[in-house]
Amino acid sequence: MNNDLTHILIVEDDEQFAELVFRAFKWQNNNFRTSVALNLEQAKSIIKSDPPALILADQFLPDGRGCELIV
């Protein structure tokens, strides 16, 4: 894990859309490190182990709402 890069967490249950967002950050700038979670459970696990600087979350997920990630 490179701490010099800004960590962005993408929380999106539509895998194709998550991949598009992931690629957009990858192509735009190498100053970002992105993670993808497909549900709240995965997102909470990533947040606990590797807190992101920014979370882009879908509002409606299979196991809850994206706003549940706001602490």
PDB file of N, CA and C in Angstrom:
ATOM      1  N   MET A   1       0.846  -1.169   0.000  1.00  0.00           N
ATOM      2  CA  MET A   1       0.000   0.000   0.000  1.00  0.00           C
ATOM      3  C   MET A   1       0.895   1.237   0.000  1.00  0.00           C
ATOM      4  N   ASN A   2       0.667   2.146  -0.939  1.00  0.00           N
ATOM      5  CA  ASN A   2       1.461   3.359  -1.070  1.00  0.00           C
ATOM      6  C   ASN A   2       0.708   4.515  -0.433  1.00  0.00           C
ATOM      7  N   ASN A   3       1.212   5.025   0.685  1.00  0.00           N
ATOM      8  CA  ASN A   3       0.536   6.097   1.406  1.00  0.00           C
ATOM      9  C   ASN A   3       0.692   7.455   0.746  1.00  0.00           C
ATOM     10  N   ASP A   4       1.542   7.560  -0.284  1.00  0.00           N
ATOM     11  CA  ASP A   4       1.701   8.818  -1.003  1.00  0.00           C
ATOM     12  C   ASP A   4       0.536   9.070  -1.952  1.00  0.00           C
ATOM     13  N   LEU A   5      -0.245   8.046  -2.243  1.00  0.00           N
ATOM     14  CA  LEU A   5      -1.356   8.170  -3.170  1.00  0.00           C
ATOM     15  C   LEU A   5      -2.665   8.371  -2.411  1.00  0.00           C
ATOM     16  N   THR A   6      -3.535   9.191  -2.956  1.00  0.00           N
ATOM     17  CA  THR A   6      -4.841   9.419  -2.355  1.00  0.00           C
ATOM     18  C   THR A   6      -5.713   8.197  -2.588  1.00  0.00           C
ATOM     19  N   HIS A   7      -6.190   7.614  -1.491  1.00  0.00           N
ATOM     20  CA  HIS A   7      -7.021   6.410  -1.578  1.00  0.00           C
ATOM     21  C   HIS A   7      -8.487   6.799  -1.777  1.00  0.00           C
ATOM     22  N   ILE A   8      -9.087   6.290  -2.836  1.00  0.00           N
ATOM     23  CA  ILE A   8     -10.494   6.524  -3.145  1.00  0.00           C
ATOM     24  C   ILE A   8     -11.219   5.190  -3.121  1.00  0.00           C
ATOM     25  N   LEU A   9     -12.319   5.137  -2.399  1.00  0.00           N
ATOM     26  CA  LEU A   9     -13.132   3.931  -2.327  1.00  0.00           C
ATOM     27  C   LEU A   9     -14.399   4.143  -3.144  1.00  0.00           C
ATOM     28  N   ILE A  10     -14.628   3.250  -4.087  1.00  0.00           N
ATOM     29  CA  ILE A  10     -15.834   3.265  -4.922  1.00  0.00           C
ATOM     30  C   ILE A  10     -16.750   2.167  -4.392  1.00  0.00           C
ATOM     31  N   VAL A  11     -17.955   2.550  -3.974  1.00  0.00           N
ATOM     32  CA  VAL A  11     -18.921   1.585  -3.448  1.00  0.00           C
ATOM     33  C   VAL A  11     -20.093   1.558  -4.424  1.00  0.00           C
ATOM     34  N   GLU A  12     -20.167   0.492  -5.192  1.00  0.00           N
ATOM     35  CA  GLU A  12     -21.153   0.404  -6.278  1.00  0.00           C
ATOM     36  C   GLU A  12     -21.473  -1.059  -6.535  1.00  0.00           C
ATOM     37  N   ASP A  13     -22.757  -1.417  -6.529  1.00  0.00           N
ATOM     38  CA  ASP A  13     -23.139  -2.809  -6.743  1.00  0.00           C
ATOM     39  C   ASP A  13     -23.207  -3.192  -8.220  1.00  0.00           C
ATOM     40  N   ASP A  14     -23.239  -2.225  -9.107  1.00  0.00           N
ATOM     41  CA  ASP A  14     -23.210  -2.499 -10.546  1.00  0.00           C
ATOM     42  C   ASP A  14     -21.739  -2.597 -10.952  1.00  0.00           C
ATOM     43  N   GLU A  15     -21.274  -3.815 -11.165  1.00  0.00           N
ATOM     44  CA  GLU A  15     -19.856  -4.043 -11.419  1.00  0.00           C
ATOM     45  C   GLU A  15     -19.342  -3.311 -12.656  1.00  0.00           C
ATOM     46  N   GLN A  16     -20.149  -3.216 -13.692  1.00  0.00           N
ATOM     47  CA  GLN A  16     -19.716  -2.524 -14.915  1.00  0.00           C
ATOM     48  C   GLN A  16     -19.554  -1.029 -14.665  1.00  0.00           C
ATOM     49  N   PHE A  17     -20.473  -0.430 -13.924  1.00  0.00           N
ATOM     50  CA  PHE A  17     -20.359   0.992 -13.615  1.00  0.00           C
ATOM     51  C   PHE A  17     -19.166   1.241 -12.692  1.00  0.00           C
ATOM     52  N   ALA A  18     -18.972   0.375 -11.708  1.00  0.00           N
ATOM     53  CA  ALA A  18     -17.816   0.506 -10.811  1.00  0.00           C
ATOM     54  C   ALA A  18     -16.518   0.449 -11.608  1.00  0.00           C
ATOM     55  N   GLU A  19     -16.459  -0.425 -12.600  1.00  0.00           N
ATOM     56  CA  GLU A  19     -15.263  -0.537 -13.440  1.00  0.00           C
ATOM     57  C   GLU A  19     -15.029   0.742 -14.247  1.00  0.00           C
ATOM     58  N   LEU A  20     -16.095   1.357 -14.741  1.00  0.00           N
ATOM     59  CA  LEU A  20     -15.953   2.625 -15.477  1.00  0.00           C
ATOM     60  C   LEU A  20     -15.379   3.723 -14.592  1.00  0.00           C
ATOM     61  N   VAL A  21     -15.888   3.838 -13.375  1.00  0.00           N
ATOM     62  CA  VAL A  21     -15.390   4.860 -12.448  1.00  0.00           C
ATOM     63  C   VAL A  21     -13.936   4.565 -12.086  1.00  0.00           C
ATOM     64  N   PHE A  22     -13.655   3.309 -11.808  1.00  0.00           N
ATOM     65  CA  PHE A  22     -12.291   2.882 -11.487  1.00  0.00           C
ATOM     66  C   PHE A  22     -11.330   3.276 -12.614  1.00  0.00           C
ATOM     67  N   ARG A  23     -11.698   2.978 -13.843  1.00  0.00           N
ATOM     68  CA  ARG A  23     -10.844   3.304 -14.996  1.00  0.00           C
ATOM     69  C   ARG A  23     -10.676   4.811 -15.170  1.00  0.00           C
ATOM     70  N   ALA A  24     -11.728   5.571 -14.911  1.00  0.00           N
ATOM     71  CA  ALA A  24     -11.644   7.031 -15.049  1.00  0.00           C
ATOM     72  C   ALA A  24     -10.570   7.594 -14.127  1.00  0.00           C
ATOM     73  N   PHE A  25     -10.514   7.127 -12.894  1.00  0.00           N
ATOM     74  CA  PHE A  25      -9.485   7.600 -11.970  1.00  0.00           C
ATOM     75  C   PHE A  25      -8.111   7.096 -12.390  1.00  0.00           C
ATOM     76  N   LYS A  26      -8.035   5.881 -12.851  1.00  0.00           N
ATOM     77  CA  LYS A  26      -6.752   5.309 -13.251  1.00  0.00           C
ATOM     78  C   LYS A  26      -6.173   6.060 -14.444  1.00  0.00           C
ATOM     79  N   TRP A  27      -7.012   6.421 -15.400  1.00  0.00           N
ATOM     80  CA  TRP A  27      -6.548   7.107 -16.612  1.00  0.00           C
ATOM     81  C   TRP A  27      -6.256   8.590 -16.376  1.00  0.00           C
ATOM     82  N   GLN A  28      -6.925   9.202 -15.453  1.00  0.00           N
ATOM     83  CA  GLN A  28      -6.782  10.642 -15.251  1.00  0.00           C
ATOM     84  C   GLN A  28      -5.477  11.028 -14.584  1.00  0.00           C
ATOM     85  N   ASN A  29      -5.085  10.251 -13.613  1.00  0.00           N
ATOM     86  CA  ASN A  29      -3.969  10.709 -12.812  1.00  0.00           C
ATOM     87  C   ASN A  29      -3.400   9.529 -12.022  1.00  0.00           C
ATOM     88  N   ASN A  30      -2.124   9.478 -11.897  1.00  0.00           N
ATOM     89  CA  ASN A  30      -1.512   8.403 -11.123  1.00  0.00           C
ATOM     90  C   ASN A  30      -1.368   8.749  -9.647  1.00  0.00           C
ATOM     91  N   ASN A  31      -2.010   9.832  -9.199  1.00  0.00           N
ATOM     92  CA  ASN A  31      -1.960  10.216  -7.794  1.00  0.00           C
ATOM     93  C   ASN A  31      -3.055   9.546  -6.972  1.00  0.00           C
ATOM     94  N   PHE A  32      -3.837   8.679  -7.599  1.00  0.00           N
ATOM     95  CA  PHE A  32      -4.942   8.017  -6.919  1.00  0.00           C
ATOM     96  C   PHE A  32      -4.706   6.523  -6.813  1.00  0.00           C
ATOM     97  N   ARG A  33      -5.178   5.979  -5.725  1.00  0.00           N
ATOM     98  CA  ARG A  33      -5.213   4.534  -5.519  1.00  0.00           C
ATOM     99  C   ARG A  33      -6.672   4.211  -5.237  1.00  0.00           C
ATOM    100  N   THR A  34      -7.284   3.403  -6.061  1.00  0.00           N
ATOM    101  CA  THR A  34      -8.710   3.144  -5.920  1.00  0.00           C
ATOM    102  C   THR A  34      -8.985   1.715  -5.474  1.00  0.00           C
ATOM    103  N   SER A  35     -10.031   1.598  -4.654  1.00  0.00           N
ATOM    104  CA  SER A  35     -10.547   0.306  -4.218  1.00  0.00           C
ATOM    105  C   SER A  35     -12.012   0.271  -4.600  1.00  0.00           C
ATOM    106  N   VAL A  36     -12.527  -0.926  -4.837  1.00  0.00           N
ATOM    107  CA  VAL A  36     -13.935  -1.086  -5.185  1.00  0.00           C
ATOM    108  C   VAL A  36     -14.585  -2.053  -4.203  1.00  0.00           C
ATOM    109  N   ALA A  37     -15.745  -1.664  -3.683  1.00  0.00           N
ATOM    110  CA  ALA A  37     -16.571  -2.531  -2.844  1.00  0.00           C
ATOM    111  C   ALA A  37     -17.929  -2.653  -3.526  1.00  0.00           C
ATOM    112  N   LEU A  38     -18.462  -3.858  -3.560  1.00  0.00           N
ATOM    113  CA  LEU A  38     -19.738  -4.094  -4.221  1.00  0.00           C
ATOM    114  C   LEU A  38     -20.924  -4.019  -3.274  1.00  0.00           C
ATOM    115  N   ASN A  39     -20.666  -3.866  -1.975  1.00  0.00           N
ATOM    116  CA  ASN A  39     -21.749  -3.749  -0.996  1.00  0.00           C
ATOM    117  C   ASN A  39     -21.218  -3.075   0.269  1.00  0.00           C
ATOM    118  N   LEU A  40     -22.114  -2.813   1.211  1.00  0.00           N
ATOM    119  CA  LEU A  40     -21.717  -2.125   2.443  1.00  0.00           C
ATOM    120  C   LEU A  40     -20.745  -2.949   3.279  1.00  0.00           C
ATOM    121  N   GLU A  41     -20.969  -4.243   3.338  1.00  0.00           N
ATOM    122  CA  GLU A  41     -20.095  -5.099   4.135  1.00  0.00           C
ATOM    123  C   GLU A  41     -18.652  -5.003   3.647  1.00  0.00           C
ATOM    124  N   GLN A  42     -18.452  -5.096   2.346  1.00  0.00           N
ATOM    125  CA  GLN A  42     -17.102  -4.969   1.782  1.00  0.00           C
ATOM    126  C   GLN A  42     -16.541  -3.577   2.044  1.00  0.00           C
ATOM    127  N   ALA A  43     -17.374  -2.556   1.872  1.00  0.00           N
ATOM    128  CA  ALA A  43     -16.923  -1.177   2.075  1.00  0.00           C
ATOM    129  C   ALA A  43     -16.463  -0.957   3.514  1.00  0.00           C
ATOM    130  N   LYS A  44     -17.234  -1.439   4.471  1.00  0.00           N
ATOM    131  CA  LYS A  44     -16.875  -1.266   5.887  1.00  0.00           C
ATOM    132  C   LYS A  44     -15.577  -1.981   6.212  1.00  0.00           C
ATOM    133  N   SER A  45     -15.348  -3.125   5.602  1.00  0.00           N
ATOM    134  CA  SER A  45     -14.110  -3.864   5.820  1.00  0.00           C
ATOM    135  C   SER A  45     -12.914  -3.083   5.269  1.00  0.00           C
ATOM    136  N   ILE A  46     -13.065  -2.528   4.078  1.00  0.00           N
ATOM    137  CA  ILE A  46     -11.979  -1.734   3.480  1.00  0.00           C
ATOM    138  C   ILE A  46     -11.720  -0.487   4.309  1.00  0.00           C
ATOM    139  N   ILE A  47     -12.782   0.185   4.737  1.00  0.00           N
ATOM    140  CA  ILE A  47     -12.640   1.412   5.536  1.00  0.00           C
ATOM    141  C   ILE A  47     -11.889   1.118   6.835  1.00  0.00           C
ATOM    142  N   LYS A  48     -12.185  -0.011   7.442  1.00  0.00           N
ATOM    143  CA  LYS A  48     -11.544  -0.382   8.708  1.00  0.00           C
ATOM    144  C   LYS A  48     -10.056  -0.693   8.507  1.00  0.00           C
ATOM    145  N   SER A  49      -9.726  -1.396   7.433  1.00  0.00           N
ATOM    146  CA  SER A  49      -8.338  -1.814   7.225  1.00  0.00           C
ATOM    147  C   SER A  49      -7.480  -0.780   6.492  1.00  0.00           C
ATOM    148  N   ASP A  50      -8.104   0.048   5.666  1.00  0.00           N
ATOM    149  CA  ASP A  50      -7.363   1.002   4.837  1.00  0.00           C
ATOM    150  C   ASP A  50      -8.244   2.223   4.571  1.00  0.00           C
ATOM    151  N   PRO A  51      -8.394   3.109   5.552  1.00  0.00           N
ATOM    152  CA  PRO A  51      -9.326   4.236   5.419  1.00  0.00           C
ATOM    153  C   PRO A  51      -9.049   5.104   4.183  1.00  0.00           C
ATOM    154  N   PRO A  52     -10.086   5.337   3.376  1.00  0.00           N
ATOM    155  CA  PRO A  52      -9.912   6.164   2.178  1.00  0.00           C
ATOM    156  C   PRO A  52     -10.011   7.655   2.505  1.00  0.00           C
ATOM    157  N   ALA A  53      -9.473   8.471   1.614  1.00  0.00           N
ATOM    158  CA  ALA A  53      -9.621   9.921   1.729  1.00  0.00           C
ATOM    159  C   ALA A  53     -10.973  10.360   1.184  1.00  0.00           C
ATOM    160  N   LEU A  54     -11.515   9.566   0.257  1.00  0.00           N
ATOM    161  CA  LEU A  54     -12.777   9.901  -0.404  1.00  0.00           C
ATOM    162  C   LEU A  54     -13.557   8.619  -0.657  1.00  0.00           C
ATOM    163  N   ILE A  55     -14.876   8.678  -0.412  1.00  0.00           N
ATOM    164  CA  ILE A  55     -15.758   7.554  -0.706  1.00  0.00           C
ATOM    165  C   ILE A  55     -16.803   8.022  -1.703  1.00  0.00           C
ATOM    166  N   LEU A  56     -16.895   7.316  -2.827  1.00  0.00           N
ATOM    167  CA  LEU A  56     -17.947   7.546  -3.816  1.00  0.00           C
ATOM    168  C   LEU A  56     -18.896   6.368  -3.699  1.00  0.00           C
ATOM    169  N   ALA A  57     -20.081   6.613  -3.161  1.00  0.00           N
ATOM    170  CA  ALA A  57     -20.985   5.499  -2.855  1.00  0.00           C
ATOM    171  C   ALA A  57     -22.326   5.640  -3.554  1.00  0.00           C
ATOM    172  N   ASP A  58     -22.773   4.523  -4.087  1.00  0.00           N
ATOM    173  CA  ASP A  58     -24.129   4.407  -4.608  1.00  0.00           C
ATOM    174  C   ASP A  58     -25.074   4.550  -3.418  1.00  0.00           C
ATOM    175  N   GLN A  59     -26.193   5.204  -3.614  1.00  0.00           N
ATOM    176  CA  GLN A  59     -27.132   5.399  -2.516  1.00  0.00           C
ATOM    177  C   GLN A  59     -27.852   4.104  -2.151  1.00  0.00           C
ATOM    178  N   PHE A  60     -28.207   3.295  -3.141  1.00  0.00           N
ATOM    179  CA  PHE A  60     -28.967   2.075  -2.893  1.00  0.00           C
ATOM    180  C   PHE A  60     -28.117   0.854  -3.214  1.00  0.00           C
ATOM    181  N   LEU A  61     -27.802   0.090  -2.186  1.00  0.00           N
ATOM    182  CA  LEU A  61     -26.965  -1.098  -2.303  1.00  0.00           C
ATOM    183  C   LEU A  61     -27.752  -2.316  -1.839  1.00  0.00           C
ATOM    184  N   PRO A  62     -27.322  -3.516  -2.183  1.00  0.00           N
ATOM    185  CA  PRO A  62     -28.089  -4.709  -1.829  1.00  0.00           C
ATOM    186  C   PRO A  62     -28.254  -4.909  -0.324  1.00  0.00           C
ATOM    187  N   ASP A  63     -27.295  -4.427   0.465  1.00  0.00           N
ATOM    188  CA  ASP A  63     -27.364  -4.646   1.912  1.00  0.00           C
ATOM    189  C   ASP A  63     -27.532  -3.351   2.708  1.00  0.00           C
ATOM    190  N   GLY A  64     -28.022  -2.300   2.069  1.00  0.00           N
ATOM    191  CA  GLY A  64     -28.265  -1.044   2.789  1.00  0.00           C
ATOM    192  C   GLY A  64     -28.136   0.163   1.886  1.00  0.00           C
ATOM    193  N   ARG A  65     -27.917   1.305   2.526  1.00  0.00           N
ATOM    194  CA  ARG A  65     -27.789   2.561   1.804  1.00  0.00           C
ATOM    195  C   ARG A  65     -26.385   3.134   1.969  1.00  0.00           C
ATOM    196  N   GLY A  66     -25.907   3.770   0.929  1.00  0.00           N
ATOM    197  CA  GLY A  66     -24.571   4.339   0.938  1.00  0.00           C
ATOM    198  C   GLY A  66     -24.349   5.344   2.054  1.00  0.00           C
ATOM    199  N   CYS A  67     -25.396   6.040   2.475  1.00  0.00           N
ATOM    200  CA  CYS A  67     -25.258   7.050   3.533  1.00  0.00           C
ATOM    201  C   CYS A  67     -24.890   6.413   4.879  1.00  0.00           C
ATOM    202  N   GLU A  68     -25.030   5.108   5.008  1.00  0.00           N
ATOM    203  CA  GLU A  68     -24.650   4.424   6.252  1.00  0.00           C
ATOM    204  C   GLU A  68     -23.129   4.465   6.465  1.00  0.00           C
ATOM    205  N   LEU A  69     -22.380   4.811   5.445  1.00  0.00           N
ATOM    206  CA  LEU A  69     -20.930   4.875   5.545  1.00  0.00           C
ATOM    207  C   LEU A  69     -20.464   6.198   6.162  1.00  0.00           C
ATOM    208  N   ILE A  70     -21.358   7.146   6.271  1.00  0.00           N
ATOM    209  CA  ILE A  70     -21.004   8.439   6.864  1.00  0.00           C
ATOM    210  C   ILE A  70     -20.926   8.266   8.375  1.00  0.00           C
ATOM    211  N   VAL A  71     -19.778   8.617   8.926  1.00  0.00           N
ATOM    212  CA  VAL A  71     -19.577   8.434  10.368  1.00  0.00           C
ATOM    213  C   VAL A  71     -19.479   9.769  11.046  1.00  0.00           C
TER     214      VAL A  71
END
